[in-house]
Protein backbone atom coordinates (compact mmCIF):
# COMPACT_ATOMS: atom_id res chain seq x y z
CA MET A 1 -7.14 3.56 -12.71
CA PRO A 2 -7.70 -0.19 -13.29
CA ASP A 3 -9.82 -1.79 -10.60
CA ILE A 4 -9.37 -5.08 -8.77
CA LYS A 5 -11.78 -7.71 -10.07
CA TRP A 6 -11.67 -9.80 -6.91
CA ILE A 7 -11.12 -9.42 -3.17
CA LYS A 8 -9.86 -11.89 -0.58
CA ILE A 9 -11.99 -12.77 2.46
CA THR A 10 -10.57 -15.17 5.03
CA THR A 11 -12.62 -18.20 6.03
CA GLU A 12 -12.03 -17.11 9.64
CA MET A 13 -13.71 -13.75 9.05
CA PHE A 14 -16.61 -14.51 11.40
CA ASP A 15 -14.22 -15.63 14.15
CA ASP A 16 -12.75 -12.11 14.25
CA GLU A 17 -13.60 -10.30 17.50
CA LYS A 18 -14.68 -7.15 15.67
CA ILE A 19 -17.12 -9.07 13.49
CA ARG A 20 -18.47 -10.83 16.57
CA ILE A 21 -19.06 -7.46 18.23
CA ILE A 22 -20.93 -6.30 15.13
CA GLU A 23 -23.02 -9.50 15.09
CA ALA A 24 -24.27 -8.64 18.59
CA MET A 25 -25.56 -5.24 17.43
CA PRO A 26 -28.92 -4.26 15.97
CA GLU A 27 -29.01 -4.63 12.17
CA ALA A 28 -25.89 -6.80 12.37
CA ASP A 29 -26.49 -8.52 9.03
CA THR A 30 -26.90 -5.18 7.26
CA LEU A 31 -23.72 -3.82 8.84
CA ILE A 32 -21.72 -6.84 7.71
CA VAL A 33 -23.08 -6.50 4.17
CA ILE A 34 -22.08 -2.82 4.18
CA TRP A 35 -18.59 -3.78 5.38
CA ILE A 36 -18.12 -6.25 2.53
CA ARG A 37 -19.49 -3.67 0.08
CA LEU A 38 -16.89 -1.14 1.33
CA ILE A 39 -14.10 -3.67 0.76
CA CYS A 40 -15.39 -4.17 -2.80
CA MET A 41 -15.50 -0.40 -3.35
CA ALA A 42 -11.91 -0.06 -2.11
CA GLY A 43 -10.90 -2.76 -4.59
CA LYS A 44 -12.67 -0.98 -7.41
CA VAL A 45 -10.93 2.33 -6.61
CA ASN A 46 -7.63 0.42 -6.21
CA ALA A 47 -5.83 3.13 -4.22
CA GLY A 48 -4.51 1.02 -1.36
CA GLY A 49 -7.69 1.02 0.73
CA TYR A 50 -9.08 4.49 -0.02
CA ILE A 51 -12.69 4.93 -1.11
CA PHE A 52 -13.69 8.02 -3.07
CA ILE A 53 -15.71 9.09 -6.11
CA SER A 54 -12.58 10.63 -7.63
CA PRO A 55 -9.18 11.59 -6.16
CA THR A 56 -10.53 15.07 -5.40
CA LEU A 57 -14.14 14.13 -4.58
CA PRO A 58 -14.88 12.12 -1.41
CA TYR A 59 -18.21 10.44 -0.70
CA GLU A 60 -20.73 12.27 1.45
CA GLU A 61 -22.90 10.13 3.71
CA GLU A 62 -25.99 10.70 1.56
CA GLN A 63 -24.13 9.66 -1.59
CA LEU A 64 -22.74 6.58 0.13
CA ALA A 65 -26.23 5.58 1.29
CA ALA A 66 -27.48 5.89 -2.30
CA VAL A 67 -24.63 3.77 -3.67
CA LEU A 68 -25.09 1.10 -0.98
CA HIS A 69 -28.90 1.14 -1.31
CA ARG A 70 -29.29 1.50 2.44
CA ARG A 71 -31.05 3.98 4.73
CA LEU A 72 -28.96 6.99 5.71
CA MET A 73 -29.33 6.26 9.44
CA THR A 74 -28.07 2.69 8.90
CA VAL A 75 -25.06 3.91 6.91
CA ARG A 76 -24.23 6.42 9.63
CA LEU A 77 -24.44 3.66 12.25
CA ALA A 78 -22.16 1.46 10.13
CA LEU A 79 -19.54 4.19 9.64
CA LYS A 80 -19.58 5.08 13.33
CA THR A 81 -19.20 1.41 14.29
CA PHE A 82 -16.38 0.72 11.83
CA LYS A 83 -14.49 3.84 12.97
CA HIS A 84 -14.91 2.89 16.63
CA LEU A 85 -13.51 -0.60 15.95
CA GLY A 86 -10.55 0.74 13.96
CA MET A 87 -11.79 -0.85 10.72
CA LEU A 88 -12.32 2.50 8.99
CA GLU A 89 -10.68 5.93 9.06
CA VAL A 90 -11.71 9.24 7.56
CA ALA A 91 -8.96 11.36 6.00
CA ASP A 92 -8.77 15.13 6.48
CA ASN A 93 -10.33 15.69 3.07
CA GLY A 94 -13.22 13.29 3.80
CA ASP A 95 -11.94 10.19 1.97
CA LEU A 96 -12.79 6.87 3.59
CA PHE A 97 -9.81 4.61 4.26
CA LEU A 98 -9.65 0.92 5.23
CA PRO A 99 -6.31 0.71 7.11
CA ASN A 100 -5.96 -3.07 6.77
CA PHE A 101 -6.95 -3.28 3.10
CA ALA A 102 -3.38 -3.44 1.74
CA LYS A 103 -2.44 -6.00 4.40
CA TYR A 104 -5.17 -8.47 3.48
CA GLN A 105 -5.56 -7.78 -0.24
CA SER A 106 -1.87 -7.44 -1.20
CA ILE A 107 -0.54 -10.08 -3.60
CA LYS A 108 3.07 -9.24 -2.77
CA GLY A 109 3.30 -11.57 0.24
CA LEU A 110 4.55 -14.62 -1.64
CA GLU A 111 6.94 -12.44 -3.63
CA ASP A 112 8.39 -11.14 -0.35
CA ILE A 113 8.86 -14.70 0.89
CA ARG A 114 10.56 -15.73 -2.35
CA GLU A 115 12.89 -12.75 -2.00
CA ALA A 116 13.62 -13.65 1.64
CA THR A 117 14.41 -17.22 0.60
CA ARG A 118 16.74 -15.93 -2.13
CA ILE A 119 18.57 -13.78 0.45
CA ARG A 120 18.95 -16.74 2.82
CA VAL A 121 20.33 -18.92 0.02
CA ALA A 122 22.83 -16.20 -0.95
CA ALA A 123 23.91 -15.79 2.69
CA PHE A 124 24.27 -19.55 3.07
CA ARG A 125 26.49 -19.75 -0.01
CA GLU A 126 28.53 -16.75 1.12
CA ARG A 127 29.27 -18.42 4.44
CA GLY A 128 30.39 -21.51 2.57
CA LYS A 129 33.01 -19.63 0.53
CA GLY A 130 35.41 -19.43 3.48
CA GLN A 131 35.37 -23.17 4.15
CA LEU A 132 38.27 -25.38 3.02
CA THR A 133 36.13 -28.46 2.78
CA PRO A 134 33.13 -28.74 0.50
CA ILE A 135 29.71 -28.18 1.97
CA SER A 136 27.91 -31.41 2.65
CA THR A 137 25.10 -32.18 0.27
CA ASP A 138 23.11 -33.25 3.33
CA VAL A 139 22.70 -29.62 4.30
CA THR A 140 19.28 -28.36 3.21
CA LEU A 141 17.58 -25.01 3.57
CA ARG A 142 14.39 -24.71 5.52
CA ASN A 143 11.43 -24.66 3.18
CA VAL A 144 8.72 -22.20 4.22
CA THR A 145 5.58 -24.22 3.70
CA SER A 146 3.25 -23.98 6.69
CA ASN A 147 0.87 -21.07 7.11
CA LYS A 148 2.46 -20.27 10.47
CA GLU A 149 5.93 -20.02 8.95
CA ILE A 150 4.63 -17.84 6.13
CA ARG A 151 2.99 -15.44 8.61
CA GLU A 152 6.18 -15.26 10.69
CA GLU A 153 8.26 -14.64 7.57
CA LYS A 154 5.96 -11.85 6.42
CA LYS A 155 6.13 -10.19 9.85
CA ARG A 156 9.92 -10.37 9.81
CA ILE A 157 10.10 -8.85 6.35
CA GLU A 158 7.67 -6.08 7.27
CA LYS A 159 9.57 -5.24 10.46
CA LYS A 160 12.85 -5.09 8.55
CA ARG A 161 11.25 -2.88 5.91
CA ILE A 162 10.04 -0.38 8.52
CA GLU A 163 13.22 -0.28 10.64
CA LYS A 164 15.75 0.13 7.84
CA ASN A 165 16.16 2.90 5.31
CA ILE A 166 15.38 1.65 1.84
CA ASN A 167 17.69 3.10 -0.77
CA LYS A 168 15.89 1.69 -3.77
CA ILE A 169 12.15 2.02 -3.28
CA ASN A 170 10.15 -0.21 -5.61
CA SER A 171 7.01 1.27 -4.05
CA TRP A 172 7.60 4.57 -5.84
CA GLU A 173 7.51 2.81 -9.21
CA LEU A 174 4.10 1.38 -8.33
CA ILE A 175 2.91 4.80 -7.14
CA LEU A 176 4.08 6.35 -10.42
CA ILE A 177 1.93 3.85 -12.32
CA LYS A 178 -1.10 4.99 -10.29
CA LEU A 179 -0.24 8.66 -10.78
CA LYS A 180 0.01 8.08 -14.52
CA ASN A 181 -3.53 6.67 -14.48
CA ILE A 182 -4.91 9.50 -12.33
CA LEU A 183 -3.26 12.52 -13.98
CA ASN A 184 -3.43 13.49 -17.61
CA GLN A 185 -0.37 12.66 -19.71
CA THR A 186 0.89 16.25 -19.86
CA ASN A 187 0.84 16.80 -16.09
CA TYR A 188 2.38 13.41 -15.38
CA ASN A 189 5.23 13.95 -17.83
CA MET A 190 5.89 17.49 -16.58
CA TRP A 191 5.95 16.85 -12.83
CA PHE A 192 6.51 13.15 -12.10
CA LYS A 193 7.96 11.25 -15.07
CA GLU A 194 11.61 11.84 -14.13
CA SER A 195 11.10 11.64 -10.34
CA VAL A 196 12.81 8.86 -8.39
CA GLY A 197 12.35 7.19 -5.01
CA ILE A 198 15.24 8.08 -2.70
CA LYS A 199 14.54 6.46 0.65
CA GLN A 200 11.91 5.68 3.25
CA ASN A 201 12.26 6.04 6.99
CA LYS A 202 9.84 5.81 9.90
CA THR A 203 8.21 9.18 9.20
CA GLU A 204 8.96 10.14 5.58
CA PHE A 205 8.84 8.82 2.06
CA ILE A 206 11.43 10.85 0.17
CA ILE A 207 11.48 11.37 -3.59
CA GLY A 208 13.88 13.28 -5.81
CA VAL A 209 12.99 15.76 -8.55
CA SER A 210 15.23 17.66 -10.95
CA SER A 211 14.23 21.27 -10.21
CA GLU A 212 13.10 23.58 -7.42
CA TYR A 213 10.13 24.53 -9.57
CA LYS A 214 8.89 20.93 -9.72
CA ALA A 215 9.42 20.49 -5.98
CA GLN A 216 7.39 23.62 -5.19
CA TYR A 217 4.57 22.61 -7.55
CA ILE A 218 4.26 19.08 -6.12
CA GLU A 219 4.42 20.45 -2.57
CA SER A 220 1.66 22.99 -3.25
CA ASN A 221 -0.65 21.07 -5.60
CA GLN A 222 -0.10 17.31 -5.47
CA LYS A 223 1.19 16.56 -1.97
CA SER A 224 -2.15 15.36 -0.60
CA LEU A 225 -2.71 12.98 -3.50
CA VAL A 226 0.84 11.60 -3.38
CA GLU A 227 0.73 11.05 0.40
CA LYS A 228 -2.59 9.25 -0.04
CA LEU A 229 -1.01 6.88 -2.57
CA ILE A 230 2.08 6.42 -0.39
CA ARG A 231 -0.06 5.45 2.56
CA GLY A 232 -2.07 3.06 0.42
CA GLU A 233 1.06 1.41 -0.96
CA THR A 234 3.09 1.17 2.26
CA GLY A 235 0.31 0.96 4.85
CA LEU A 236 2.16 3.62 6.86
CA PRO A 237 1.19 7.27 7.63
CA LEU A 238 4.31 8.68 5.98
CA ARG A 239 4.84 12.33 5.01
CA LEU A 240 6.12 13.20 1.57
CA GLY A 241 9.66 14.58 1.46
CA ILE A 242 11.15 16.13 -1.69
CA VAL A 243 14.83 16.65 -2.46
CA LEU A 244 16.62 17.97 -5.54
CA ILE A 245 18.67 15.62 -7.72
CA ASP A 246 20.73 16.13 -10.83
CA PRO A 247 18.59 16.05 -13.98
CA PRO A 248 18.89 12.80 -15.94
CA LEU A 249 21.39 12.68 -18.76
CA ASP A 250 19.93 12.67 -22.23
CA LYS A 251 20.41 9.57 -24.36
CA LYS A 252 23.26 11.04 -26.42
CA LYS A 253 25.29 11.82 -23.31
CA GLN A 254 24.52 8.42 -21.82
CA ASN A 255 25.81 6.73 -24.95
CA ARG A 256 29.13 8.57 -24.60
CA LEU A 257 29.69 7.23 -21.06
């Protein structure tokens, strides 16, 4: 899987209450360095905030200490502190997870704002269709420029995304790209190539596959990996749901339609 070559760190990082709490602790400087190293490791893995040696091999504390070049006791203190402050979680299989990684490292924020602006423009024009008189050229759309407006816009988009069912899930296309990089070509083509995103609700991320056999295999063998990628992509603890869909038409049949 291709790694991220850079990470974003806000200039207000040291004004954060959690960082201030860490700064008041013994070995504060070392803990902060470990925290930044973990963010870099999450970027290198590029699985939405998860940190692991491989998708099926989590880090043990001794291995993590060796990679970070720090004493085992210090690494244990760091992990305990980060977990207590909600900066780090440990999955059932032992993978480390930074819950806010996708939120701060995502590059989709501006794209979301552009899409929101496009929707507002379309709505504005739609309202104008019913008017008998032309719309005044003096009417202008609000331009989202300030940081405060951008943050508010992102919150609105995220709230709307969570509350509404999404019929066309672009996230699944991104997850498929990651699965293609993780799995060998044969397994990917057999089990996931023809799968589609169906919808997302508050508890489930539902995909469609073309046979009961594929559904049973994914449920038994790949569910943990897929849910890990779903959580990394959406930032939500969603369960994987699988439904059956009609198999795709072959190209010859499509050409006849």
